[in-house]
Amino acid sequence: MRALVQIGSMSDGDVAAVAAIEGPTRMRATELREELMRSWSRLWVAREGDCGVVAFAIGWHVLDELHILNLMTRADRRRRGIARALMNEVLGYGRLNRIKHVLLEVRRSNLAAIALYRTLGFFAMGVRARYYPDNEDALEMVLTFDVETGSIVPHPDEVRLE
């Protein structure tokens, strides 16, 4: 049986656990603390039972857009619906704050993440060639809300996914 996942705002006390999920080549604790200080940053963590922080999301809320900078689940907790629960919380924030667009970039090879985003209502709108340090392309994905109803506006992909 799966432990209950609780989603909440990231605090300074979560920084070490989030940095550990990130690993040595990603955001360091100092950078995470800087994100916590930015008025436009939104940071969420998912906690699971005795495992503590098992996933996180970082986004920037600017005007009527929310740009997801990072979404990551601890390797030993993947494929359990935690990222979906976290993204549902993020999208709930978007609805509540009358966000029009939620944007993100994802590695073209990350088929599991692309599949998750598509089931949530995201569509592929562009490609950022050689976006990542290893020169892999990123797919630009976007989800559009009808700000009056909070419903997701369906949209076909504008670029090929492969």
C-alpha atoms as a PDB file:
ATOM      1  CA  MET A   1       0.000   0.000   0.000  1.00  0.00           C
ATOM      2  CA  ARG A   2       1.278   3.463  -0.903  1.00  0.00           C
ATOM      3  CA  ALA A   3       1.932   6.035   1.757  1.00  0.00           C
ATOM      4  CA  LEU A   4      -0.099   9.216   1.619  1.00  0.00           C
ATOM      5  CA  VAL A   5       1.613  12.040  -0.254  1.00  0.00           C
ATOM      6  CA  GLN A   6       1.272  15.513   1.223  1.00  0.00           C
ATOM      7  CA  ILE A   7       2.006  18.551  -0.927  1.00  0.00           C
ATOM      8  CA  GLY A   8       2.992  21.866   0.591  1.00  0.00           C
ATOM      9  CA  SER A   9       5.159  24.919   0.162  1.00  0.00           C
ATOM     10  CA  MET A  10       8.908  24.450   0.326  1.00  0.00           C
ATOM     11  CA  SER A  11      10.585  25.996   3.348  1.00  0.00           C
ATOM     12  CA  ASP A  12      14.201  26.641   4.250  1.00  0.00           C
ATOM     13  CA  GLY A  13      14.098  23.416   6.243  1.00  0.00           C
ATOM     14  CA  ASP A  14      13.424  21.460   3.026  1.00  0.00           C
ATOM     15  CA  VAL A  15      16.428  22.823   1.119  1.00  0.00           C
ATOM     16  CA  ALA A  16      18.875  20.019   1.984  1.00  0.00           C
ATOM     17  CA  ALA A  17      16.379  17.304   1.012  1.00  0.00           C
ATOM     18  CA  VAL A  18      15.547  19.039  -2.276  1.00  0.00           C
ATOM     19  CA  ALA A  19      19.226  19.588  -3.078  1.00  0.00           C
ATOM     20  CA  ALA A  20      19.817  15.862  -2.461  1.00  0.00           C
ATOM     21  CA  ILE A  21      17.072  14.982  -4.958  1.00  0.00           C
ATOM     22  CA  GLU A  22      18.633  17.374  -7.445  1.00  0.00           C
ATOM     23  CA  GLY A  23      22.063  15.765  -7.164  1.00  0.00           C
ATOM     24  CA  PRO A  24      25.489  17.364  -7.519  1.00  0.00           C
ATOM     25  CA  THR A  25      25.075  18.782 -11.041  1.00  0.00           C
ATOM     26  CA  ARG A  26      21.859  20.704 -10.423  1.00  0.00           C
ATOM     27  CA  MET A  27      20.744  23.510  -8.101  1.00  0.00           C
ATOM     28  CA  ARG A  28      22.807  23.890  -4.970  1.00  0.00           C
ATOM     29  CA  ALA A  29      21.369  24.741  -1.572  1.00  0.00           C
ATOM     30  CA  THR A  30      22.385  28.393  -1.950  1.00  0.00           C
ATOM     31  CA  GLU A  31      20.477  28.639  -5.242  1.00  0.00           C
ATOM     32  CA  LEU A  32      17.403  27.038  -3.687  1.00  0.00           C
ATOM     33  CA  ARG A  33      17.526  29.524  -0.824  1.00  0.00           C
ATOM     34  CA  GLU A  34      17.731  32.339  -3.387  1.00  0.00           C
ATOM     35  CA  GLU A  35      14.596  30.946  -5.064  1.00  0.00           C
ATOM     36  CA  LEU A  36      12.814  30.983  -1.710  1.00  0.00           C
ATOM     37  CA  MET A  37      13.603  34.700  -1.415  1.00  0.00           C
ATOM     38  CA  ARG A  38      12.238  35.706  -4.837  1.00  0.00           C
ATOM     39  CA  SER A  39       8.739  37.161  -4.699  1.00  0.00           C
ATOM     40  CA  TRP A  40       7.810  35.536  -8.020  1.00  0.00           C
ATOM     41  CA  SER A  41       9.103  32.045  -7.177  1.00  0.00           C
ATOM     42  CA  ARG A  42       6.698  29.312  -6.170  1.00  0.00           C
ATOM     43  CA  LEU A  43       8.178  26.183  -4.633  1.00  0.00           C
ATOM     44  CA  TRP A  44       6.310  23.029  -3.678  1.00  0.00           C
ATOM     45  CA  VAL A  45       7.429  19.782  -2.066  1.00  0.00           C
ATOM     46  CA  ALA A  46       5.810  16.383  -1.818  1.00  0.00           C
ATOM     47  CA  ARG A  47       6.295  14.432   1.384  1.00  0.00           C
ATOM     48  CA  GLU A  48       5.566  10.738   1.620  1.00  0.00           C
ATOM     49  CA  GLY A  49       5.186   9.017   4.972  1.00  0.00           C
ATOM     50  CA  ASP A  50       8.521   8.347   6.670  1.00  0.00           C
ATOM     51  CA  CYS A  51      10.436   9.120   3.464  1.00  0.00           C
ATOM     52  CA  GLY A  52      10.195  12.886   3.969  1.00  0.00           C
ATOM     53  CA  VAL A  53      10.571  15.093   0.899  1.00  0.00           C
ATOM     54  CA  VAL A  54      10.384  12.870  -2.185  1.00  0.00           C
ATOM     55  CA  ALA A  55       9.658  15.393  -4.945  1.00  0.00           C
ATOM     56  CA  PHE A  56       9.566  19.093  -5.642  1.00  0.00           C
ATOM     57  CA  ALA A  57       8.461  21.674  -8.192  1.00  0.00           C
ATOM     58  CA  ILE A  58       9.790  25.168  -8.786  1.00  0.00           C
ATOM     59  CA  GLY A  59       7.927  27.739 -10.837  1.00  0.00           C
ATOM     60  CA  TRP A  60       7.989  31.431 -11.576  1.00  0.00           C
ATOM     61  CA  HIS A  61       4.666  33.277 -11.470  1.00  0.00           C
ATOM     62  CA  VAL A  62       4.973  36.389 -13.626  1.00  0.00           C
ATOM     63  CA  LEU A  63       1.803  38.293 -14.536  1.00  0.00           C
ATOM     64  CA  ASP A  64      -0.615  35.698 -15.958  1.00  0.00           C
ATOM     65  CA  GLU A  65       1.966  32.977 -16.639  1.00  0.00           C
ATOM     66  CA  LEU A  66       3.514  30.240 -14.555  1.00  0.00           C
ATOM     67  CA  HIS A  67       6.792  28.872 -15.887  1.00  0.00           C
ATOM     68  CA  ILE A  68       7.742  25.516 -14.382  1.00  0.00           C
ATOM     69  CA  LEU A  69      11.521  25.544 -14.010  1.00  0.00           C
ATOM     70  CA  ASN A  70      11.935  22.171 -12.399  1.00  0.00           C
ATOM     71  CA  LEU A  71       9.907  19.135 -11.414  1.00  0.00           C
ATOM     72  CA  MET A  72      11.741  16.168  -9.994  1.00  0.00           C
ATOM     73  CA  THR A  73      10.929  13.045  -8.016  1.00  0.00           C
ATOM     74  CA  ARG A  74      13.504  11.118  -6.011  1.00  0.00           C
ATOM     75  CA  ALA A  75      14.703   8.165  -8.115  1.00  0.00           C
ATOM     76  CA  ASP A  76      13.451   5.498  -5.674  1.00  0.00           C
ATOM     77  CA  ARG A  77       9.953   7.047  -5.550  1.00  0.00           C
ATOM     78  CA  ARG A  78       9.267   7.435  -9.280  1.00  0.00           C
ATOM     79  CA  ARG A  79       6.324   5.813 -11.116  1.00  0.00           C
ATOM     80  CA  ARG A  80       4.055   6.157  -8.054  1.00  0.00           C
ATOM     81  CA  GLY A  81       1.940   9.143  -9.102  1.00  0.00           C
ATOM     82  CA  ILE A  82       3.857  11.636  -6.976  1.00  0.00           C
ATOM     83  CA  ALA A  83       4.807  13.942  -9.883  1.00  0.00           C
ATOM     84  CA  ARG A  84       1.169  13.872 -11.040  1.00  0.00           C
ATOM     85  CA  ALA A  85      -0.032  14.835  -7.556  1.00  0.00           C
ATOM     86  CA  LEU A  86       2.523  17.635  -7.444  1.00  0.00           C
ATOM     87  CA  MET A  87       1.540  18.917 -10.886  1.00  0.00           C
ATOM     88  CA  ASN A  88      -2.145  18.788  -9.930  1.00  0.00           C
ATOM     89  CA  GLU A  89      -1.304  21.048  -6.978  1.00  0.00           C
ATOM     90  CA  VAL A  90       0.623  23.391  -9.297  1.00  0.00           C
ATOM     91  CA  LEU A  91      -2.302  23.512 -11.729  1.00  0.00           C
ATOM     92  CA  GLY A  92      -4.680  24.167  -8.837  1.00  0.00           C
ATOM     93  CA  TYR A  93      -2.513  27.144  -7.940  1.00  0.00           C
ATOM     94  CA  GLY A  94      -2.757  28.272 -11.566  1.00  0.00           C
ATOM     95  CA  ARG A  95      -6.546  28.122 -11.531  1.00  0.00           C
ATOM     96  CA  LEU A  96      -6.800  29.913  -8.201  1.00  0.00           C
ATOM     97  CA  ASN A  97      -4.520  32.705  -9.413  1.00  0.00           C
ATOM     98  CA  ARG A  98      -6.148  33.057 -12.845  1.00  0.00           C
ATOM     99  CA  ILE A  99      -3.044  31.965 -14.725  1.00  0.00           C
ATOM    100  CA  LYS A 100      -3.501  31.864 -18.521  1.00  0.00           C
ATOM    101  CA  HIS A 101      -0.486  29.753 -19.457  1.00  0.00           C
ATOM    102  CA  VAL A 102       1.670  27.193 -17.690  1.00  0.00           C
ATOM    103  CA  LEU A 103       4.938  26.699 -19.569  1.00  0.00           C
ATOM    104  CA  LEU A 104       7.809  24.254 -19.220  1.00  0.00           C
ATOM    105  CA  GLU A 105      10.693  22.666 -21.091  1.00  0.00           C
ATOM    106  CA  VAL A 106      11.319  18.926 -21.089  1.00  0.00           C
ATOM    107  CA  ARG A 107      14.049  16.783 -22.566  1.00  0.00           C
ATOM    108  CA  ARG A 108      12.915  15.321 -25.844  1.00  0.00           C
ATOM    109  CA  SER A 109      14.055  11.887 -24.616  1.00  0.00           C
ATOM    110  CA  ASN A 110      12.024  12.070 -21.373  1.00  0.00           C
ATOM    111  CA  LEU A 111       9.041  10.160 -22.703  1.00  0.00           C
ATOM    112  CA  ALA A 112       7.565   9.471 -19.260  1.00  0.00           C
ATOM    113  CA  ALA A 113       7.469  13.186 -18.396  1.00  0.00           C
ATOM    114  CA  ILE A 114       6.084  14.104 -21.817  1.00  0.00           C
ATOM    115  CA  ALA A 115       3.343  11.515 -21.407  1.00  0.00           C
ATOM    116  CA  LEU A 116       2.484  12.898 -17.951  1.00  0.00           C
ATOM    117  CA  TYR A 117       2.324  16.477 -19.204  1.00  0.00           C
ATOM    118  CA  ARG A 118       0.141  15.480 -22.145  1.00  0.00           C
ATOM    119  CA  THR A 119      -2.359  13.708 -19.882  1.00  0.00           C
ATOM    120  CA  LEU A 120      -2.560  16.912 -17.836  1.00  0.00           C
ATOM    121  CA  GLY A 121      -3.413  18.991 -20.922  1.00  0.00           C
ATOM    122  CA  PHE A 122      -0.054  20.324 -22.094  1.00  0.00           C
ATOM    123  CA  PHE A 123       0.765  20.501 -25.800  1.00  0.00           C
ATOM    124  CA  ALA A 124       4.095  20.821 -27.597  1.00  0.00           C
ATOM    125  CA  MET A 125       4.521  24.331 -28.933  1.00  0.00           C
ATOM    126  CA  GLY A 126       8.192  24.521 -29.889  1.00  0.00           C
ATOM    127  CA  VAL A 127      11.678  23.080 -29.757  1.00  0.00           C
ATOM    128  CA  ARG A 128      14.737  24.609 -28.142  1.00  0.00           C
ATOM    129  CA  ALA A 129      17.612  23.090 -30.080  1.00  0.00           C
ATOM    130  CA  ARG A 130      20.579  21.915 -27.997  1.00  0.00           C
ATOM    131  CA  TYR A 131      18.987  23.430 -24.862  1.00  0.00           C
ATOM    132  CA  TYR A 132      20.612  21.147 -22.314  1.00  0.00           C
ATOM    133  CA  PRO A 133      24.350  21.022 -21.465  1.00  0.00           C
ATOM    134  CA  ASP A 134      24.669  17.694 -23.306  1.00  0.00           C
ATOM    135  CA  ASN A 135      23.125  19.360 -26.412  1.00  0.00           C
ATOM    136  CA  GLU A 136      19.820  17.498 -26.174  1.00  0.00           C
ATOM    137  CA  ASP A 137      16.819  19.407 -27.501  1.00  0.00           C
ATOM    138  CA  ALA A 138      14.023  20.549 -25.201  1.00  0.00           C
ATOM    139  CA  LEU A 139      10.374  20.461 -26.113  1.00  0.00           C
ATOM    140  CA  GLU A 140       8.545  23.611 -25.073  1.00  0.00           C
ATOM    141  CA  MET A 141       5.174  22.613 -23.689  1.00  0.00           C
ATOM    142  CA  VAL A 142       2.296  24.798 -22.622  1.00  0.00           C
ATOM    143  CA  LEU A 143      -1.066  24.388 -20.935  1.00  0.00           C
ATOM    144  CA  THR A 144      -3.693  27.089 -21.457  1.00  0.00           C
ATOM    145  CA  PHE A 145      -6.448  27.877 -18.981  1.00  0.00           C
ATOM    146  CA  ASP A 146      -9.715  29.622 -19.698  1.00  0.00           C
ATOM    147  CA  VAL A 147      -9.371  32.180 -16.901  1.00  0.00           C
ATOM    148  CA  GLU A 148     -13.127  32.611 -16.559  1.00  0.00           C
ATOM    149  CA  THR A 149     -13.922  28.932 -15.984  1.00  0.00           C
ATOM    150  CA  GLY A 150     -10.545  27.521 -14.905  1.00  0.00           C
ATOM    151  CA  SER A 151     -10.909  24.781 -17.491  1.00  0.00           C
ATOM    152  CA  ILE A 152      -8.026  23.648 -19.650  1.00  0.00           C
ATOM    153  CA  VAL A 153      -8.258  24.757 -23.261  1.00  0.00           C
ATOM    154  CA  PRO A 154      -7.349  21.802 -25.503  1.00  0.00           C
ATOM    155  CA  HIS A 155      -4.819  22.532 -28.230  1.00  0.00           C
ATOM    156  CA  PRO A 156      -3.099  20.300 -30.800  1.00  0.00           C
ATOM    157  CA  ASP A 157       0.676  19.990 -30.816  1.00  0.00           C
ATOM    158  CA  GLU A 158       2.370  22.620 -32.926  1.00  0.00           C
ATOM    159  CA  VAL A 159       5.557  20.585 -33.378  1.00  0.00           C
ATOM    160  CA  ARG A 160       6.337  16.900 -33.733  1.00  0.00           C
ATOM    161  CA  LEU A 161       7.200  15.176 -30.494  1.00  0.00           C
ATOM    162  CA  GLU A 162       9.948  12.941 -31.888  1.00  0.00           C
END
